[in-house]
Every structure is written in C-alpha cells, then in structure tokens.
Amino acid sequence: MRKSLRVAAVAAACAVAGGALYGAGAATAGQSTANSTHEPYNIGLLTKDIDTYYGTTPDANGVYQASPDSPYAKDLARIDADAKRYIDKAARQAGHKGHKPAVVFDIDDTLLLSLDYEKKNNYGYNSATWAAYVNQADRPEVFGSPEIVRYAAGKGVTVFYNSGLSEAQRSAAVENLKKVGADVNLDADHMFLKDAANPPAYLSDCATPGAWKCTTVQYKSGTRKHIEDLGYDIVANFGDQYSDLDGGYADRTYKLPNPTYFVG
C-alpha cells in the first residue's frame, strides 16, 4: 500500500542525509512519526527539498526527470560502486564453493523511476492513474541500476525480480525494463509479480485464490525464500523500500533512496 507525502517526510530526511545502505551499515527502518508531539515538516518545504534532491527538471516533452548531477544521482553512484565490488567478490566465492549466487531486484523506483508520476500527482496515489502510467512502459531508469543487473549477469550471478506490480502489468514491465537496458531474465521463472487471483503455493500462509492477505514483507520475503529453496544463494537484495528488504533470505541488502513515498 502506498502512502501519502506526509509519511514520506522521514524517508526524505534519510535520503537527503545520504542514508543509502541498509543492512550494509548506514540506514535504519525508524520511519514512524505517529507518536510525535512536534509539528510535522511543512509539505511545501518538503516538496522543494525533494526537487532539490532529485534535481527535478521537466524535459522537452514536459516529463520530469532527475538530474545526473543531483545528490540523488551521487547517492546512487556510491551504492552502485559498493554493490559491484561486493557482487564481484560474492561471485568468486560462490564459484569456489560450488554455490549458485543470485541477486534480487525490486522494480518500481529501484530499476524504473516514477518521479514524473509522483511530481504530477502531488506525491499522491490513485490506482487507476498509476496503472495507466505503468502501462505506458516509458519510465526512465534509476541511474545505474540496469547496469548493476547486467554486471551481475556478466559475473555469472542469476538475476531475479521481486515486485509489487501486478501480474496484469507484466508485459508493460518487461517492455519498460528492456528499454532501459535491464534485459536479463525477463521470463516468468525469474520475474515474480503479485498475483492476487492465483497466488503461488509458497505464499499459502497469507494468500489463497481471491484472498490476498500478505503484507509487503511477507510477500517479498516469502518469494526470496522460494528462490533460495530452488537452490540459489541470494547474495544481494536491492530495493527502494525497507519492506523490499526486511524478512531475511539475503546475504546483503541495498536500500536505494526514495523520498517520495513509503510502502509499509
């Protein structure tokens, strides 16, 4: 479930402060301000901070883009450099031990940037407009993330995707990922999407046909457990939300910055 701009304030503060790595040492999941007795951060000021962080600028077509020189881009570059070093080491170690290393990527705002949608919708969310936006299959890349996908594959690490997008959005997701250069393992055996109508058996504790009760953490960690049950060792898990990363079944987690919304 996506939440409003008001909840994004704490995530923004974390991102602007450079809280990029989660599980690798730098960020924590303390995102609730429900018990605060202080006046919340002003939304008008927060949107300005978000624009500054992304270097938000409309292109010639009126599409809001992040700047490659922005603090956001610099934070991502630091994460990517660490991830490459780690994947290289993990791949070599797995080869020596005969293991099958894997990496897992979320999609929304981990590989495909949704800044234009967030900006034009005042950082709110509507299921119909979101679905239409996703189905355009024209989101830009999150700087550097498709390169990490290709880098991992080049090192012999199997790439999986673990997304909250629905099964009905599969073709759009595949098309968009190809456009940004993340054209690796885009088949149903490697791209796991939410199928509320016919959930997989490995999620039976929280989902049955037509009755989806899984939280994001249950869904994503359950999917990672399934991948490991297939014989893989998930050496790294990438996501822009803490709920993409919590729940175990990954040797290391990488939290990408996202100050525009929070998924619990």
Protein backbone atom coordinates (compact mmCIF):
# COMPACT_ATOMS: atom_id res chain seq x y z
CA MET A 1 0.00 0.00 0.00
CA ARG A 2 1.44 3.36 -0.99
CA LYS A 3 1.08 6.19 1.48
CA SER A 4 0.94 9.95 1.14
CA LEU A 5 3.55 12.67 1.06
CA ARG A 6 3.16 13.26 4.79
CA VAL A 7 4.61 9.84 5.52
CA ALA A 8 7.42 10.48 3.03
CA ALA A 9 8.96 13.22 5.19
CA VAL A 10 11.09 10.87 7.27
CA ALA A 11 12.22 8.95 4.19
CA ALA A 12 13.21 12.26 2.62
CA ALA A 13 15.30 13.17 5.62
CA CYS A 14 17.05 9.82 5.49
CA ALA A 15 17.74 10.09 1.79
CA VAL A 16 18.99 13.68 1.87
CA ALA A 17 21.29 12.72 4.72
CA GLY A 18 22.71 10.01 2.50
CA GLY A 19 21.15 7.03 4.30
CA ALA A 20 21.68 4.73 1.34
CA LEU A 21 22.92 1.35 2.51
CA TYR A 22 20.57 -0.76 4.57
CA GLY A 23 21.92 -3.95 6.03
CA ALA A 24 25.36 -2.87 4.87
CA GLY A 25 25.60 -0.43 7.71
CA ALA A 26 24.18 3.05 7.20
CA ALA A 27 20.39 3.28 7.46
CA THR A 28 17.70 2.05 9.82
CA ALA A 29 13.98 1.49 9.48
CA GLY A 30 12.84 4.08 12.03
CA GLN A 31 10.24 5.66 9.80
CA SER A 32 7.19 6.13 12.03
CA THR A 33 6.33 9.57 13.36
CA ALA A 34 2.88 8.59 14.65
CA ASN A 35 3.75 9.31 18.29
CA SER A 36 5.48 12.63 17.68
CA THR A 37 4.16 15.66 19.56
CA HIS A 38 6.01 18.07 17.27
CA GLU A 39 4.54 19.89 14.29
CA PRO A 40 5.27 17.86 11.13
CA TYR A 41 7.62 19.12 8.47
CA ASN A 42 5.87 21.59 6.15
CA ILE A 43 4.72 19.87 2.95
CA GLY A 44 5.52 22.87 0.75
CA LEU A 45 9.09 22.95 2.04
CA LEU A 46 9.38 19.19 1.73
CA THR A 47 8.45 19.24 -1.95
CA LYS A 48 11.18 21.83 -2.53
CA ASP A 49 13.67 19.62 -0.72
CA ILE A 50 12.61 16.64 -2.84
CA ASP A 51 13.04 18.66 -6.04
CA THR A 52 16.49 19.76 -4.91
CA TYR A 53 17.48 16.22 -4.01
CA TYR A 54 16.46 14.82 -7.41
CA GLY A 55 17.43 17.93 -9.37
CA THR A 56 13.91 17.65 -10.76
CA THR A 57 13.61 19.25 -14.21
CA PRO A 58 11.00 18.83 -16.98
CA ASP A 59 12.46 17.73 -20.31
CA ALA A 60 11.37 18.98 -23.74
CA ASN A 61 8.28 16.76 -23.54
CA GLY A 62 7.29 18.02 -20.11
CA VAL A 63 8.39 14.80 -18.38
CA TYR A 64 10.03 15.37 -15.01
CA GLN A 65 13.49 13.85 -14.89
CA ALA A 66 16.15 13.51 -12.22
CA SER A 67 19.44 15.25 -12.87
CA PRO A 68 22.57 13.11 -13.34
CA ASP A 69 24.39 15.71 -11.23
CA SER A 70 21.90 15.65 -8.36
CA PRO A 71 22.51 14.48 -4.78
CA TYR A 72 20.19 11.58 -5.65
CA ALA A 73 22.45 10.51 -8.52
CA LYS A 74 25.53 10.81 -6.32
CA ASP A 75 23.96 8.66 -3.60
CA LEU A 76 23.08 6.02 -6.19
CA ALA A 77 26.61 6.08 -7.60
CA ARG A 78 28.03 5.31 -4.16
CA ILE A 79 25.63 2.41 -3.72
CA ASP A 80 26.40 1.06 -7.19
CA ALA A 81 30.15 1.15 -6.63
CA ASP A 82 29.82 -0.78 -3.37
CA ALA A 83 27.41 -3.26 -4.95
CA LYS A 84 29.74 -4.00 -7.85
CA ARG A 85 32.66 -4.69 -5.53
CA TYR A 86 30.50 -6.92 -3.38
CA ILE A 87 28.93 -8.83 -6.29
CA ASP A 88 32.35 -9.45 -7.79
CA LYS A 89 33.61 -10.88 -4.50
CA ALA A 90 30.45 -12.91 -3.87
CA ALA A 91 30.53 -14.38 -7.38
CA ARG A 92 34.15 -15.51 -6.97
CA GLN A 93 33.44 -17.05 -3.57
CA ALA A 94 30.37 -18.85 -4.88
CA GLY A 95 32.38 -20.26 -7.77
CA HIS A 96 34.95 -21.69 -5.40
CA LYS A 97 32.26 -23.25 -3.21
CA GLY A 98 30.05 -24.52 -6.00
CA HIS A 99 27.08 -22.34 -4.96
CA LYS A 100 24.51 -20.71 -7.24
CA PRO A 101 24.63 -16.98 -6.43
CA ALA A 102 21.64 -14.75 -7.19
CA VAL A 103 20.63 -11.12 -6.88
CA VAL A 104 17.07 -9.87 -6.41
CA PHE A 105 15.75 -6.50 -7.60
CA ASP A 106 12.56 -4.65 -6.84
CA ILE A 107 11.31 -2.78 -9.93
CA ASP A 108 9.44 0.45 -9.05
CA ASP A 109 11.98 3.15 -8.13
CA THR A 110 14.70 0.54 -7.89
CA LEU A 111 15.05 -0.02 -11.64
CA LEU A 112 12.34 2.24 -13.12
CA LEU A 113 11.99 5.81 -11.85
CA SER A 114 8.47 7.08 -11.10
CA LEU A 115 9.41 10.69 -10.38
CA ASP A 116 7.25 12.12 -13.18
CA TYR A 117 4.14 10.39 -11.82
CA GLU A 118 4.87 11.47 -8.25
CA LYS A 119 5.54 15.08 -9.19
CA LYS A 120 2.47 15.45 -11.41
CA ASN A 121 0.22 13.83 -8.82
CA ASN A 122 1.50 15.94 -5.94
CA TYR A 123 3.12 12.82 -4.43
CA GLY A 124 -0.25 11.15 -4.03
CA TYR A 125 -1.50 7.83 -5.35
CA ASN A 126 -4.50 6.63 -7.32
CA SER A 127 -4.67 3.04 -8.50
CA ALA A 128 -6.21 3.89 -11.88
CA THR A 129 -3.77 6.65 -12.81
CA TRP A 130 -0.85 4.58 -11.51
CA ALA A 131 -1.88 1.60 -13.66
CA ALA A 132 -2.16 3.83 -16.72
CA TYR A 133 1.27 5.29 -16.01
CA VAL A 134 2.88 1.86 -15.62
CA ASN A 135 1.24 0.61 -18.81
CA GLN A 136 2.86 3.39 -20.83
CA ALA A 137 6.09 1.40 -20.30
CA ASP A 138 8.15 4.54 -20.67
CA ARG A 139 9.70 5.23 -17.27
CA PRO A 140 13.39 6.18 -17.26
CA GLU A 141 15.97 4.11 -15.43
CA VAL A 142 17.01 4.62 -11.86
CA PHE A 143 20.55 5.81 -12.51
CA GLY A 144 22.97 2.89 -12.59
CA SER A 145 20.54 0.11 -11.61
CA PRO A 146 20.18 -1.56 -15.05
CA GLU A 147 23.98 -1.55 -15.25
CA ILE A 148 24.11 -3.49 -11.95
CA VAL A 149 21.69 -6.02 -13.45
CA ARG A 150 23.98 -6.52 -16.44
CA TYR A 151 27.08 -6.53 -14.25
CA ALA A 152 25.71 -9.29 -12.02
CA ALA A 153 24.69 -11.39 -15.02
CA GLY A 154 28.15 -10.91 -16.53
CA LYS A 155 29.69 -12.32 -13.36
CA GLY A 156 27.55 -15.45 -13.58
CA VAL A 157 25.08 -14.30 -10.91
CA THR A 158 21.44 -15.15 -11.65
CA VAL A 159 19.13 -12.13 -11.70
CA PHE A 160 15.61 -12.27 -10.24
CA TYR A 161 12.95 -9.57 -9.90
CA ASN A 162 10.58 -9.36 -6.92
CA SER A 163 7.98 -6.65 -7.50
CA GLY A 164 4.67 -5.42 -6.14
CA LEU A 165 3.48 -4.82 -9.70
CA SER A 166 0.51 -7.00 -10.58
CA GLU A 167 0.51 -9.95 -12.93
CA ALA A 168 -1.61 -7.85 -15.32
CA GLN A 169 1.29 -5.39 -15.61
CA ARG A 170 3.86 -8.00 -16.63
CA SER A 171 4.07 -7.12 -20.32
CA ALA A 172 4.47 -3.41 -19.58
CA ALA A 173 7.16 -4.12 -17.00
CA VAL A 174 9.09 -6.33 -19.42
CA GLU A 175 8.83 -3.77 -22.20
CA ASN A 176 9.99 -0.95 -19.95
CA LEU A 177 12.90 -2.93 -18.48
CA LYS A 178 14.10 -3.75 -21.99
CA LYS A 179 14.00 -0.05 -22.88
CA VAL A 180 16.32 0.88 -20.01
CA GLY A 181 18.77 -1.94 -20.66
CA ALA A 182 17.77 -4.36 -17.89
CA ASP A 183 17.11 -7.05 -20.49
CA VAL A 184 18.15 -10.00 -18.34
CA ASN A 185 15.96 -12.95 -17.28
CA LEU A 186 12.65 -11.22 -18.00
CA ASP A 187 10.72 -14.51 -18.07
CA ALA A 188 8.13 -15.75 -15.59
CA ASP A 189 10.66 -18.04 -13.87
CA HIS A 190 12.76 -15.05 -12.84
CA MET A 191 10.29 -12.15 -12.57
CA PHE A 192 7.92 -12.56 -9.63
CA LEU A 193 4.86 -10.27 -9.66
CA LYS A 194 1.85 -10.11 -7.38
CA ASP A 195 -0.91 -12.48 -8.47
CA ALA A 196 -3.77 -12.00 -6.02
CA ALA A 197 -6.19 -14.12 -8.05
CA ASN A 198 -3.90 -17.16 -8.17
CA PRO A 199 -1.13 -16.79 -5.60
CA PRO A 200 1.67 -19.35 -5.56
CA ALA A 201 1.62 -22.21 -3.07
CA TYR A 202 4.69 -20.90 -1.26
CA LEU A 203 2.59 -17.94 -0.05
CA SER A 204 -0.24 -20.11 1.23
CA ASP A 205 0.21 -18.85 4.80
CA CYS A 206 -1.10 -15.42 3.79
CA ALA A 207 -2.68 -15.80 0.35
CA THR A 208 -5.23 -18.13 -1.21
CA PRO A 209 -7.03 -17.72 -4.56
CA GLY A 210 -9.02 -14.50 -4.36
CA ALA A 211 -7.98 -13.79 -0.75
CA TRP A 212 -4.66 -11.95 -0.61
CA LYS A 213 -3.64 -11.08 2.96
CA CYS A 214 0.14 -10.88 2.58
CA THR A 215 1.91 -7.79 3.80
CA THR A 216 4.66 -6.48 1.54
CA VAL A 217 7.28 -8.03 3.81
CA GLN A 218 5.50 -11.41 3.81
CA TYR A 219 5.15 -11.37 0.03
CA LYS A 220 8.70 -10.32 -0.72
CA SER A 221 10.50 -12.38 1.92
CA GLY A 222 8.34 -15.39 1.04
CA THR A 223 9.36 -15.01 -2.58
CA ARG A 224 13.03 -14.77 -1.64
CA LYS A 225 12.68 -17.93 0.48
CA HIS A 226 11.19 -19.64 -2.58
CA ILE A 227 14.19 -18.57 -4.68
CA GLU A 228 16.57 -19.96 -2.09
CA ASP A 229 14.50 -23.16 -1.91
CA LEU A 230 15.20 -23.51 -5.63
CA GLY A 231 18.87 -23.83 -4.73
CA TYR A 232 20.11 -20.24 -5.02
CA ASP A 233 22.03 -18.15 -2.51
CA ILE A 234 20.73 -14.58 -2.68
CA VAL A 235 23.93 -12.62 -2.22
CA ALA A 236 22.28 -9.20 -2.60
CA ASN A 237 18.75 -7.79 -2.49
CA PHE A 238 18.02 -4.31 -3.91
CA GLY A 239 15.00 -2.14 -3.11
CA ASP A 240 13.88 1.43 -2.50
CA GLN A 241 11.63 0.50 0.44
CA TYR A 242 12.55 -1.16 3.72
CA SER A 243 9.66 -3.54 3.09
CA ASP A 244 11.53 -4.70 -0.04
CA LEU A 245 14.40 -5.78 2.19
CA ASP A 246 13.04 -6.90 5.56
CA GLY A 247 12.30 -10.51 6.40
CA GLY A 248 15.62 -12.19 5.66
CA TYR A 249 16.72 -14.52 2.86
CA ALA A 250 19.50 -12.31 1.52
CA ASP A 251 23.16 -12.08 2.50
CA ARG A 252 23.24 -8.31 1.98
CA THR A 253 20.59 -5.67 1.33
CA TYR A 254 20.92 -2.37 -0.54
CA LYS A 255 18.43 0.41 0.24
CA LEU A 256 18.12 2.84 -2.67
CA PRO A 257 16.95 6.37 -1.82
CA ASN A 258 13.28 7.25 -2.37
CA PRO A 259 11.88 10.31 -0.56
CA THR A 260 8.58 10.42 -2.47
CA TYR A 261 6.51 7.64 -0.84
CA PHE A 262 6.60 4.89 1.75
CA VAL A 263 5.33 1.31 1.38
CA GLY A 264 4.77 -0.46 4.69
